[in-house]
N, C-alpha and C. Protein backbone atom coordinates (compact mmCIF):
# COMPACT_ATOMS: atom_id res chain seq x y z
N MET A 1 0.57 42.27 7.56
CA MET A 1 1.78 42.98 7.97
C MET A 1 1.68 43.37 9.43
N ASP A 2 2.77 43.19 10.14
CA ASP A 2 2.79 43.57 11.55
C ASP A 2 2.59 45.07 11.73
N PHE A 3 3.07 45.87 10.80
CA PHE A 3 2.89 47.32 10.93
C PHE A 3 1.41 47.67 10.90
N GLU A 4 0.66 47.05 10.02
CA GLU A 4 -0.77 47.34 9.94
C GLU A 4 -1.46 46.95 11.24
N ARG A 5 -1.12 45.81 11.81
CA ARG A 5 -1.72 45.39 13.09
C ARG A 5 -1.40 46.38 14.21
N MET A 6 -0.15 46.83 14.26
CA MET A 6 0.23 47.81 15.29
C MET A 6 -0.53 49.13 15.12
N LEU A 7 -0.68 49.57 13.87
CA LEU A 7 -1.37 50.83 13.61
C LEU A 7 -2.85 50.73 13.93
N VAL A 8 -3.49 49.66 13.52
CA VAL A 8 -4.91 49.46 13.80
C VAL A 8 -5.17 49.40 15.30
N ALA A 9 -4.27 48.77 16.03
CA ALA A 9 -4.41 48.64 17.48
C ALA A 9 -4.04 49.92 18.21
N LYS A 10 -3.56 50.94 17.48
CA LYS A 10 -3.11 52.20 18.08
C LYS A 10 -2.03 51.94 19.15
N ALA A 11 -1.14 51.01 18.82
CA ALA A 11 -0.12 50.58 19.76
C ALA A 11 1.20 51.35 19.62
N VAL A 12 1.31 52.23 18.65
CA VAL A 12 2.57 52.93 18.41
C VAL A 12 2.34 54.42 18.15
N ASP A 13 3.34 55.22 18.52
CA ASP A 13 3.30 56.65 18.23
C ASP A 13 4.02 56.97 16.92
N PHE A 14 4.89 56.08 16.48
CA PHE A 14 5.56 56.16 15.19
C PHE A 14 6.01 54.75 14.84
N VAL A 15 6.27 54.51 13.57
CA VAL A 15 6.74 53.18 13.15
C VAL A 15 8.16 53.29 12.61
N GLN A 16 8.92 52.21 12.77
CA GLN A 16 10.32 52.20 12.36
C GLN A 16 10.64 50.99 11.48
N PRO A 17 10.20 51.01 10.24
CA PRO A 17 10.56 49.91 9.34
C PRO A 17 12.04 49.99 8.98
N SER A 18 12.66 48.84 8.84
CA SER A 18 14.06 48.77 8.45
C SER A 18 14.16 48.17 7.06
N PRO A 19 14.56 48.96 6.06
CA PRO A 19 14.62 48.41 4.70
C PRO A 19 15.59 47.23 4.59
N ALA A 20 16.60 47.18 5.43
CA ALA A 20 17.57 46.10 5.37
C ALA A 20 17.04 44.81 5.98
N LYS A 21 15.96 44.88 6.74
CA LYS A 21 15.44 43.69 7.42
C LYS A 21 14.06 43.27 6.96
N MET A 22 13.37 44.09 6.19
CA MET A 22 11.97 43.78 5.88
C MET A 22 11.69 43.48 4.42
N GLY A 23 12.72 43.36 3.61
CA GLY A 23 12.46 43.04 2.21
C GLY A 23 12.78 44.16 1.26
N GLY A 24 13.55 45.14 1.69
CA GLY A 24 14.01 46.19 0.81
C GLY A 24 13.01 47.31 0.59
N VAL A 25 13.26 48.07 -0.47
CA VAL A 25 12.46 49.25 -0.78
C VAL A 25 11.01 48.88 -1.06
N THR A 26 10.78 47.78 -1.75
CA THR A 26 9.41 47.39 -2.10
C THR A 26 8.54 47.27 -0.86
N GLU A 27 9.03 46.63 0.16
CA GLU A 27 8.25 46.47 1.39
C GLU A 27 8.24 47.75 2.22
N LEU A 28 9.35 48.48 2.22
CA LEU A 28 9.42 49.72 2.99
C LEU A 28 8.37 50.72 2.52
N ILE A 29 8.22 50.88 1.22
CA ILE A 29 7.29 51.90 0.72
C ILE A 29 5.83 51.58 1.02
N LYS A 30 5.53 50.33 1.34
CA LYS A 30 4.15 49.97 1.71
C LYS A 30 3.77 50.52 3.07
N VAL A 31 4.75 50.78 3.92
CA VAL A 31 4.47 51.24 5.29
C VAL A 31 4.02 52.70 5.32
N PHE A 32 4.56 53.54 4.43
CA PHE A 32 4.23 54.96 4.45
C PHE A 32 2.73 55.24 4.30
N PRO A 33 2.04 54.68 3.29
CA PRO A 33 0.60 54.96 3.19
C PRO A 33 -0.20 54.35 4.35
N LEU A 34 0.23 53.19 4.85
CA LEU A 34 -0.46 52.61 6.01
C LEU A 34 -0.39 53.55 7.21
N ALA A 35 0.79 54.07 7.46
CA ALA A 35 0.97 54.97 8.60
C ALA A 35 0.21 56.27 8.38
N SER A 36 0.20 56.76 7.16
CA SER A 36 -0.49 58.01 6.85
C SER A 36 -1.98 57.93 7.16
N VAL A 37 -2.59 56.80 6.84
CA VAL A 37 -4.02 56.61 7.11
C VAL A 37 -4.31 56.76 8.61
N HIS A 38 -3.35 56.37 9.43
CA HIS A 38 -3.52 56.42 10.89
C HIS A 38 -2.87 57.66 11.51
N ASN A 39 -2.39 58.57 10.66
CA ASN A 39 -1.76 59.81 11.10
C ASN A 39 -0.56 59.54 12.02
N ILE A 40 0.22 58.53 11.66
CA ILE A 40 1.39 58.14 12.45
C ILE A 40 2.64 58.37 11.60
N PRO A 41 3.65 59.06 12.14
CA PRO A 41 4.87 59.29 11.37
C PRO A 41 5.70 58.02 11.19
N VAL A 42 6.46 58.01 10.10
CA VAL A 42 7.37 56.92 9.79
C VAL A 42 8.80 57.42 10.03
N MET A 43 9.58 56.64 10.76
CA MET A 43 10.97 56.96 11.01
C MET A 43 11.78 55.70 10.72
N PRO A 44 12.19 55.49 9.45
CA PRO A 44 12.91 54.27 9.13
C PRO A 44 14.13 54.06 10.04
N HIS A 45 14.31 52.82 10.42
CA HIS A 45 15.45 52.41 11.24
C HIS A 45 16.55 51.98 10.29
N SER A 46 17.70 52.62 10.39
CA SER A 46 18.80 52.24 9.52
C SER A 46 20.10 52.35 10.29
N PHE A 47 20.41 51.30 11.01
CA PHE A 47 21.64 51.27 11.79
C PHE A 47 22.85 51.13 10.88
N TYR A 48 22.63 50.63 9.68
CA TYR A 48 23.73 50.31 8.77
C TYR A 48 24.10 51.51 7.91
N ASP A 49 25.31 51.47 7.35
CA ASP A 49 25.77 52.53 6.46
C ASP A 49 25.59 52.20 4.99
N GLY A 50 25.24 51.00 4.64
CA GLY A 50 25.20 50.55 3.26
C GLY A 50 23.92 50.89 2.54
N PRO A 51 23.50 50.01 1.64
CA PRO A 51 22.34 50.28 0.80
C PRO A 51 21.04 50.45 1.60
N GLY A 52 20.94 49.85 2.78
CA GLY A 52 19.73 50.05 3.59
C GLY A 52 19.55 51.50 3.98
N LEU A 53 20.63 52.16 4.34
CA LEU A 53 20.57 53.59 4.68
C LEU A 53 20.17 54.41 3.47
N LEU A 54 20.78 54.12 2.33
CA LEU A 54 20.44 54.87 1.11
C LEU A 54 18.97 54.67 0.74
N ALA A 55 18.47 53.44 0.86
CA ALA A 55 17.06 53.16 0.57
C ALA A 55 16.16 53.94 1.52
N ALA A 56 16.52 53.99 2.80
CA ALA A 56 15.72 54.73 3.78
C ALA A 56 15.70 56.22 3.45
N ILE A 57 16.83 56.77 3.04
CA ILE A 57 16.89 58.20 2.69
C ILE A 57 15.97 58.49 1.50
N HIS A 58 16.07 57.69 0.45
CA HIS A 58 15.26 57.93 -0.75
C HIS A 58 13.77 57.75 -0.48
N ALA A 59 13.39 56.68 0.21
CA ALA A 59 11.97 56.44 0.49
C ALA A 59 11.40 57.53 1.37
N THR A 60 12.15 57.96 2.36
CA THR A 60 11.66 59.00 3.26
C THR A 60 11.52 60.33 2.52
N ALA A 61 12.47 60.65 1.66
CA ALA A 61 12.38 61.89 0.88
C ALA A 61 11.18 61.87 -0.06
N ALA A 62 10.91 60.72 -0.64
CA ALA A 62 9.82 60.61 -1.63
C ALA A 62 8.45 60.48 -0.99
N LEU A 63 8.36 59.78 0.13
CA LEU A 63 7.05 59.41 0.67
C LEU A 63 6.76 59.97 2.06
N GLY A 64 7.77 60.48 2.71
CA GLY A 64 7.60 60.94 4.08
C GLY A 64 6.87 62.27 4.17
N THR A 65 6.66 62.68 5.40
CA THR A 65 6.05 63.97 5.70
C THR A 65 7.12 64.86 6.33
N PRO A 66 6.80 66.11 6.61
CA PRO A 66 7.79 66.95 7.30
C PRO A 66 8.20 66.39 8.67
N ASP A 67 7.39 65.52 9.25
CA ASP A 67 7.73 64.91 10.55
C ASP A 67 8.58 63.65 10.40
N SER A 68 8.78 63.18 9.20
CA SER A 68 9.55 61.95 8.99
C SER A 68 11.03 62.20 9.23
N MET A 69 11.65 61.22 9.86
CA MET A 69 13.08 61.28 10.10
C MET A 69 13.64 59.89 9.84
N ILE A 70 14.95 59.79 9.85
CA ILE A 70 15.61 58.49 9.72
C ILE A 70 16.43 58.28 10.98
N GLU A 71 16.21 57.15 11.62
CA GLU A 71 17.04 56.80 12.76
C GLU A 71 18.34 56.22 12.21
N TRP A 72 19.44 56.88 12.50
CA TRP A 72 20.73 56.47 11.99
C TRP A 72 21.75 56.68 13.08
N ARG A 73 22.46 55.65 13.39
CA ARG A 73 23.46 55.78 14.44
C ARG A 73 24.62 56.63 13.94
N TRP A 74 25.23 57.33 14.85
CA TRP A 74 26.37 58.13 14.47
C TRP A 74 27.54 57.77 15.36
N LEU A 75 28.59 57.30 14.75
CA LEU A 75 29.82 56.95 15.45
C LEU A 75 30.97 57.65 14.75
N ASP A 76 32.02 57.88 15.47
CA ASP A 76 33.22 58.44 14.87
C ASP A 76 34.02 57.28 14.29
N LEU A 77 33.76 56.96 13.03
CA LEU A 77 34.38 55.81 12.38
C LEU A 77 35.75 56.15 11.81
N GLU A 78 36.58 55.16 11.70
CA GLU A 78 37.90 55.32 11.09
C GLU A 78 37.76 55.65 9.60
N ALA A 79 36.80 55.05 8.93
CA ALA A 79 36.52 55.30 7.51
C ALA A 79 35.05 55.06 7.26
N THR A 80 34.51 55.74 6.29
CA THR A 80 33.11 55.53 5.93
C THR A 80 33.02 55.14 4.46
N ILE A 81 32.13 54.24 4.17
CA ILE A 81 32.00 53.66 2.84
C ILE A 81 31.61 54.70 1.77
N TYR A 82 30.95 55.78 2.19
CA TYR A 82 30.54 56.82 1.25
C TYR A 82 31.29 58.14 1.45
N GLY A 83 32.41 58.08 2.16
CA GLY A 83 33.18 59.29 2.40
C GLY A 83 32.35 60.31 3.18
N ASP A 84 32.43 61.56 2.79
CA ASP A 84 31.67 62.59 3.50
C ASP A 84 30.36 62.94 2.79
N LYS A 85 29.98 62.13 1.80
CA LYS A 85 28.78 62.43 1.01
C LYS A 85 27.48 62.35 1.82
N LEU A 86 27.49 61.63 2.94
CA LEU A 86 26.29 61.54 3.78
C LEU A 86 26.47 62.26 5.12
N SER A 87 27.47 63.12 5.19
CA SER A 87 27.69 63.86 6.44
C SER A 87 26.52 64.82 6.67
N PRO A 88 25.86 64.71 7.82
CA PRO A 88 24.75 65.63 8.10
C PRO A 88 25.23 67.08 8.19
N LYS A 89 24.41 67.97 7.70
CA LYS A 89 24.65 69.40 7.81
C LYS A 89 23.41 70.01 8.42
N ALA A 90 23.58 70.60 9.60
CA ALA A 90 22.46 71.18 10.36
C ALA A 90 21.38 70.12 10.61
N GLY A 91 21.83 68.88 10.87
CA GLY A 91 20.90 67.81 11.21
C GLY A 91 20.20 67.17 10.01
N ARG A 92 20.61 67.52 8.82
CA ARG A 92 19.96 66.99 7.61
C ARG A 92 20.97 66.33 6.70
N ILE A 93 20.49 65.32 5.98
CA ILE A 93 21.31 64.62 4.99
C ILE A 93 20.71 64.90 3.62
N SER A 94 21.54 65.29 2.68
CA SER A 94 21.07 65.51 1.31
C SER A 94 20.78 64.17 0.65
N VAL A 95 19.74 64.15 -0.16
CA VAL A 95 19.38 62.93 -0.88
C VAL A 95 20.37 62.76 -2.03
N PRO A 96 21.07 61.61 -2.07
CA PRO A 96 22.02 61.37 -3.16
C PRO A 96 21.30 61.37 -4.51
N GLN A 97 21.91 61.99 -5.51
CA GLN A 97 21.26 62.18 -6.81
C GLN A 97 21.81 61.31 -7.93
N GLY A 98 22.77 60.45 -7.65
CA GLY A 98 23.35 59.61 -8.69
C GLY A 98 22.42 58.47 -9.08
N PRO A 99 22.82 57.65 -10.07
CA PRO A 99 22.00 56.51 -10.48
C PRO A 99 21.86 55.48 -9.36
N GLY A 100 20.85 54.65 -9.48
CA GLY A 100 20.62 53.61 -8.48
C GLY A 100 20.22 54.23 -7.15
N LEU A 101 20.94 53.88 -6.10
CA LEU A 101 20.67 54.45 -4.77
C LEU A 101 21.39 55.77 -4.55
N GLY A 102 22.09 56.27 -5.57
CA GLY A 102 22.62 57.62 -5.51
C GLY A 102 24.10 57.78 -5.27
N ILE A 103 24.75 56.81 -4.66
CA ILE A 103 26.18 56.91 -4.37
C ILE A 103 26.80 55.52 -4.54
N ASP A 104 27.96 55.49 -5.12
CA ASP A 104 28.72 54.24 -5.16
C ASP A 104 29.65 54.19 -3.95
N PRO A 105 29.85 53.03 -3.38
CA PRO A 105 30.79 52.92 -2.27
C PRO A 105 32.22 53.20 -2.74
N ASP A 106 33.02 53.71 -1.85
CA ASP A 106 34.41 54.04 -2.15
C ASP A 106 35.22 52.74 -2.26
N PRO A 107 35.75 52.41 -3.43
CA PRO A 107 36.48 51.14 -3.59
C PRO A 107 37.75 51.08 -2.73
N HIS A 108 38.33 52.24 -2.41
CA HIS A 108 39.53 52.25 -1.57
C HIS A 108 39.20 51.83 -0.13
N VAL A 109 38.04 52.25 0.36
CA VAL A 109 37.62 51.84 1.70
C VAL A 109 37.31 50.35 1.70
N ILE A 110 36.65 49.87 0.68
CA ILE A 110 36.35 48.44 0.59
C ILE A 110 37.66 47.64 0.57
N GLY A 111 38.62 48.06 -0.24
CA GLY A 111 39.89 47.37 -0.32
C GLY A 111 40.67 47.39 0.99
N ALA A 112 40.64 48.52 1.66
CA ALA A 112 41.40 48.66 2.90
C ALA A 112 40.84 47.79 4.03
N TYR A 113 39.54 47.51 3.99
CA TYR A 113 38.92 46.77 5.09
C TYR A 113 38.42 45.39 4.66
N ARG A 114 38.82 44.95 3.50
CA ARG A 114 38.41 43.64 2.99
C ARG A 114 38.98 42.54 3.88
N TRP A 115 38.16 41.56 4.18
CA TRP A 115 38.59 40.40 4.95
C TRP A 115 39.38 39.49 4.03
N ARG A 116 40.56 39.16 4.43
CA ARG A 116 41.40 38.29 3.59
C ARG A 116 41.54 36.94 4.21
């Protein structure tokens, strides 16, 4: 794994695995213990609003440390796929508690922005 090589080489101050680009939750959760051994914080990269963001939130809540954060872009969007359920409050996002990844996407937003 490239993360292990970077950590062993002491080439990073924190690591930013992206669940949407590295193989999902299964691969993402492997990075947390690797980083912990090297005392390096994990800050998942999640530019997306979909399941990658939800996976990053759950993995960070379960495996992260108090220094763990999620890199998430913030834009003033016309509509959001999860409504206001992921709106930060005091810089924090609540971990969704529903089945699966915790939140279902809003079907009205999907319908309104569907490519025809």
